[in-house]
N, C-alpha and C. Protein backbone atom coordinates (compact mmCIF):
# COMPACT_ATOMS: atom_id res chain seq x y z
N LEU A 1 1.28 -1.03 0.42
CA LEU A 1 -0.18 -0.03 0.20
C LEU A 1 0.91 1.38 -0.06
N ARG A 2 1.86 1.17 1.11
CA ARG A 2 2.88 2.31 0.45
C ARG A 2 3.78 2.51 -0.45
N LYS A 3 4.14 1.24 -1.01
CA LYS A 3 4.87 1.67 -2.58
C LYS A 3 3.46 2.33 -3.32
N LYS A 4 2.38 1.84 -3.16
CA LYS A 4 1.20 2.22 -4.32
C LYS A 4 1.05 3.93 -3.94
N LEU A 5 0.98 4.32 -2.96
CA LEU A 5 0.81 5.86 -2.56
C LEU A 5 2.16 6.55 -3.03
N GLU A 6 3.21 6.11 -2.79
CA GLU A 6 4.39 6.69 -3.45
C GLU A 6 4.26 6.65 -4.82
N GLY A 7 3.80 5.63 -5.37
CA GLY A 7 4.12 5.57 -6.81
C GLY A 7 2.98 6.59 -7.06
N ASP A 8 2.01 6.51 -6.82
CA ASP A 8 0.47 7.62 -6.76
C ASP A 8 1.25 9.24 -6.94
N ASP A 9 2.05 9.51 -5.62
CA ASP A 9 2.73 10.76 -5.30
C ASP A 9 3.59 11.27 -6.39
N GLU A 10 4.12 10.19 -6.94
CA GLU A 10 5.41 10.56 -8.22
C GLU A 10 4.73 10.69 -9.25
N SER A 11 3.36 10.15 -9.60
CA SER A 11 2.87 10.19 -10.66
C SER A 11 2.09 12.02 -10.83
N ARG A 12 1.48 11.73 -9.68
CA ARG A 12 0.96 13.33 -9.45
C ARG A 12 1.69 14.51 -9.83
N ASN A 13 3.40 14.28 -9.01
CA ASN A 13 4.40 15.25 -9.00
C ASN A 13 4.68 15.12 -10.54
N SER A 14 4.67 13.98 -11.41
CA SER A 14 5.14 13.99 -12.75
C SER A 14 4.11 14.97 -13.85
N PHE A 15 2.85 14.49 -12.95
CA PHE A 15 1.96 15.26 -13.92
C PHE A 15 1.86 16.49 -13.57
N GLU A 16 2.02 17.09 -12.71
CA GLU A 16 2.10 18.58 -12.06
C GLU A 16 3.64 19.06 -12.98
N ARG A 17 4.31 18.33 -13.10
CA ARG A 17 5.43 18.86 -13.67
C ARG A 17 5.18 19.29 -15.37
N ALA A 18 4.59 18.25 -15.87
CA ALA A 18 4.21 18.00 -17.15
C ALA A 18 3.05 19.23 -17.51
N ARG A 19 2.08 19.15 -16.61
CA ARG A 19 0.99 20.47 -16.79
C ARG A 19 1.99 21.71 -16.80
N SER A 20 2.54 22.03 -15.70
CA SER A 20 3.25 23.57 -15.94
C SER A 20 3.99 23.69 -16.71
N GLN A 21 4.63 22.52 -17.43
CA GLN A 21 5.54 23.01 -18.50
C GLN A 21 4.60 23.28 -19.79
N ILE A 22 3.41 22.59 -19.87
CA ILE A 22 2.60 22.88 -20.99
C ILE A 22 1.79 24.14 -21.13
N GLU A 23 1.38 24.83 -19.45
CA GLU A 23 1.11 25.76 -19.61
C GLU A 23 2.19 26.96 -19.65
N ALA A 24 3.35 27.15 -19.11
CA ALA A 24 4.32 27.89 -19.92
C ALA A 24 4.55 27.83 -21.66
N THR A 25 4.26 26.94 -22.05
CA THR A 25 4.29 26.61 -23.33
C THR A 25 3.29 27.36 -23.82
N ILE A 26 2.15 27.45 -23.24
CA ILE A 26 0.67 27.70 -24.02
C ILE A 26 1.11 29.38 -23.76
N GLU A 27 1.23 29.83 -22.22
CA GLU A 27 1.73 31.20 -22.29
C GLU A 27 2.84 31.70 -23.12
N ALA A 28 3.76 30.86 -23.53
CA ALA A 28 4.76 31.67 -24.60
C ALA A 28 4.06 31.67 -25.56
N MET A 29 3.42 30.85 -26.61
CA MET A 29 2.65 30.97 -27.88
C MET A 29 1.87 32.17 -27.81
N GLU A 30 0.89 32.30 -26.50
CA GLU A 30 -0.07 33.11 -26.50
C GLU A 30 0.78 34.40 -26.93
N VAL A 31 1.99 34.88 -26.20
CA VAL A 31 2.65 35.91 -26.35
C VAL A 31 3.12 35.85 -27.58
N GLN A 32 4.01 34.98 -28.78
CA GLN A 32 4.10 34.77 -29.72
C GLN A 32 3.07 35.15 -30.59
N ALA A 33 1.74 34.73 -30.52
CA ALA A 33 0.82 35.20 -31.21
C ALA A 33 0.16 36.46 -31.36
N ASP A 34 0.60 37.23 -30.16
CA ASP A 34 0.11 38.65 -29.86
C ASP A 34 1.24 39.33 -30.56
N THR A 35 2.11 38.95 -30.50
CA THR A 35 3.51 39.83 -31.26
C THR A 35 3.60 39.93 -32.49
N LEU A 36 2.83 38.59 -33.26
CA LEU A 36 2.50 38.37 -34.43
C LEU A 36 1.23 38.64 -35.34
N LYS A 37 0.65 39.29 -34.37
CA LYS A 37 -0.82 40.02 -34.36
C LYS A 37 -0.34 41.53 -34.97
N LYS A 38 0.52 41.89 -33.92
CA LYS A 38 1.23 43.35 -34.25
C LYS A 38 1.76 43.63 -35.24
N ALA A 39 2.37 42.47 -35.50
CA ALA A 39 3.48 43.00 -36.44
C ALA A 39 2.81 42.47 -38.03
N LEU A 40 1.79 41.89 -38.07
CA LEU A 40 0.92 41.86 -39.05
C LEU A 40 -0.03 43.04 -39.26
N SER A 41 -0.70 43.13 -38.16
CA SER A 41 -1.60 44.31 -38.03
C SER A 41 -0.24 45.98 -38.78
N THR A 42 0.87 46.02 -38.41
CA THR A 42 1.58 46.92 -38.96
C THR A 42 2.15 46.54 -40.31
N ALA A 43 2.30 45.61 -40.92
CA ALA A 43 2.62 45.53 -42.24
C ALA A 43 1.48 45.50 -42.74
N GLU A 44 0.11 45.42 -42.32
CA GLU A 44 -1.13 45.63 -43.26
C GLU A 44 -1.11 47.30 -43.46
N ARG A 45 -0.65 47.94 -42.36
CA ARG A 45 -0.83 49.40 -42.67
C ARG A 45 0.04 49.91 -43.72
N ALA A 46 1.47 49.30 -43.26
CA ALA A 46 2.40 49.84 -44.50
C ALA A 46 2.13 49.32 -45.44
N ASN A 47 1.33 48.44 -46.03
CA ASN A 47 1.05 47.76 -47.35
C ASN A 47 -0.06 48.97 -48.00
N GLU A 48 -1.05 49.28 -46.67
CA GLU A 48 -2.40 49.84 -47.51
C GLU A 48 -1.55 51.47 -47.70
N GLN A 49 -0.42 51.92 -47.38
CA GLN A 49 0.31 53.15 -47.15
C GLN A 49 0.84 52.87 -48.77
N LEU A 50 1.62 51.73 -48.73
CA LEU A 50 2.58 51.88 -50.21
C LEU A 50 1.36 51.57 -51.39
N GLN A 51 0.29 50.89 -51.30
CA GLN A 51 -0.81 50.95 -52.07
C GLN A 51 -1.17 52.22 -52.67
N GLN A 52 -1.75 53.08 -51.46
CA GLN A 52 -2.11 54.41 -51.74
C GLN A 52 -0.79 55.26 -52.54
N GLU A 53 0.38 55.29 -52.11
CA GLU A 53 1.65 55.85 -52.83
C GLU A 53 1.83 55.43 -54.18
N ASN A 54 1.59 53.68 -54.18
CA ASN A 54 1.60 53.50 -55.92
C ASN A 54 0.44 54.15 -56.75
N LYS A 55 -0.81 54.24 -56.06
CA LYS A 55 -1.93 54.76 -56.87
C LYS A 55 -1.53 56.29 -57.32
N SER A 56 -0.90 57.19 -56.37
CA SER A 56 -0.64 58.48 -56.58
C SER A 56 0.14 58.58 -57.75
N ALA A 57 1.55 57.76 -57.45
CA ALA A 57 2.13 57.63 -58.60
C ALA A 57 1.91 57.16 -60.04
N ALA A 58 0.97 56.54 -59.92
CA ALA A 58 0.32 56.07 -61.14
C ALA A 58 -0.24 56.84 -61.60
N GLU A 59 -1.20 57.86 -60.93
CA GLU A 59 -1.96 58.67 -61.34
C GLU A 59 -1.27 59.99 -62.06
N ARG A 60 0.23 60.30 -61.07
CA ARG A 60 1.11 61.30 -61.47
C ARG A 60 1.76 60.81 -63.14
N CYS A 61 1.77 59.48 -63.36
CA CYS A 61 2.49 59.06 -64.36
C CYS A 61 1.40 59.24 -65.51
N ARG A 62 0.47 58.58 -65.55
CA ARG A 62 -0.61 59.28 -66.48
C ARG A 62 -0.64 60.60 -66.72
N GLU A 63 -0.95 61.47 -65.91
CA GLU A 63 -0.90 63.11 -66.10
C GLU A 63 0.25 63.54 -66.89
N THR A 64 1.37 62.77 -66.65
CA THR A 64 2.55 63.24 -67.30
C THR A 64 2.76 62.52 -68.62
N ALA A 65 2.22 61.34 -68.66
CA ALA A 65 2.14 61.02 -70.18
C ALA A 65 1.12 62.12 -71.05
N ASP A 66 -0.03 62.14 -70.54
CA ASP A 66 -0.80 62.86 -71.36
C ASP A 66 -0.54 64.30 -71.89
N LYS A 67 0.61 64.83 -70.70
CA LYS A 67 1.12 66.27 -70.99
C LYS A 67 2.30 66.28 -72.42
N VAL A 68 3.12 64.46 -72.31
CA VAL A 68 4.22 64.22 -73.27
C VAL A 68 2.98 64.49 -74.30
N TYR A 69 1.97 63.61 -74.50
CA TYR A 69 1.35 63.18 -75.81
C TYR A 69 0.82 64.68 -76.08
N ALA A 70 -0.08 65.75 -75.34
CA ALA A 70 -0.18 66.96 -76.12
C ALA A 70 0.85 67.76 -76.27
N LEU A 71 2.10 67.84 -75.99
CA LEU A 71 3.10 68.40 -76.47
C LEU A 71 3.84 67.75 -77.50
N MET A 72 3.51 66.36 -77.94
CA MET A 72 4.15 65.82 -79.32
C MET A 72 2.97 66.49 -79.98
N ASP A 73 1.49 66.25 -79.74
CA ASP A 73 0.72 67.00 -81.13
C ASP A 73 1.25 68.58 -81.64
N SER A 74 1.48 69.26 -80.09
CA SER A 74 1.38 70.47 -80.58
C SER A 74 2.87 70.74 -81.62
N LEU A 75 3.57 69.59 -81.18
CA LEU A 75 5.32 69.91 -81.78
C LEU A 75 4.49 69.72 -83.33
N ARG A 76 3.81 68.60 -83.89
CA ARG A 76 3.50 68.07 -85.02
C ARG A 76 2.79 69.36 -85.84
N LEU A 77 2.02 69.52 -85.04
CA LEU A 77 1.23 70.95 -85.89
C LEU A 77 2.23 72.02 -86.26
N ASN A 78 3.22 72.53 -85.27
CA ASN A 78 3.81 73.33 -85.14
C ASN A 78 5.04 72.92 -86.21
N GLN A 79 5.09 71.76 -86.87
CA GLN A 79 6.28 71.30 -87.93
C GLN A 79 5.66 71.43 -89.25
N VAL A 80 4.22 70.94 -89.32
CA VAL A 80 3.25 71.33 -90.32
C VAL A 80 3.33 72.82 -90.60
N GLU A 81 3.24 73.51 -89.63
CA GLU A 81 3.08 74.78 -89.86
C GLU A 81 4.18 75.20 -90.23
N LEU A 82 5.29 75.36 -90.25
CA LEU A 82 6.79 75.53 -90.70
C LEU A 82 6.59 74.81 -91.82
N LYS A 83 6.82 73.86 -91.98
CA LYS A 83 7.01 73.45 -93.40
C LYS A 83 5.88 74.43 -94.70
N LYS A 84 4.61 74.53 -94.20
CA LYS A 84 3.99 75.67 -94.90
C LYS A 84 4.57 76.55 -94.87
N GLN A 85 4.93 77.26 -94.11
CA GLN A 85 5.47 78.84 -94.13
C GLN A 85 6.87 78.94 -94.81
N GLU A 86 7.73 77.59 -94.70
CA GLU A 86 8.75 77.53 -95.69
C GLU A 86 8.66 77.45 -97.31
N ALA A 87 7.45 76.67 -97.23
CA ALA A 87 6.99 76.33 -98.82
C ALA A 87 6.51 77.59 -99.18
N GLU A 88 5.67 78.89 -98.48
CA GLU A 88 5.36 79.87 -99.09
C GLU A 88 6.86 80.78 -99.39
N ASN A 89 7.70 80.72 -98.70
CA ASN A 89 8.71 81.71 -98.56
C ASN A 89 9.50 81.02 -99.65
N ALA A 90 9.50 79.79 -100.05
CA ALA A 90 10.23 79.51 -101.34
C ALA A 90 9.86 79.66 -102.78
N VAL A 91 8.18 79.98 -102.71
CA VAL A 91 7.65 80.33 -103.82
C VAL A 91 7.54 81.71 -103.86
N ARG A 92 8.01 82.78 -102.86
CA ARG A 92 8.10 84.08 -102.84
C ARG A 92 9.44 84.50 -103.52
């Protein structure tokens, strides 16, 4: 009976040690989960900001391209006008 009680005590102690190790592991994992959640939140905010900056840069690029094409059209018209003037001056 005494050996059985000592065995039960030993089992109980072993169980308590395992339980406390598992609880410590759970606590560490909860801390890690919170840290990862914060990192994810920060990354999502940074991603949103980068997407907004990208959208703004794309809009500026489109505006610049529109201005370039407008200037090219103006240049072509001016070149045509110049050739007309040159042709008129050559006739005189």
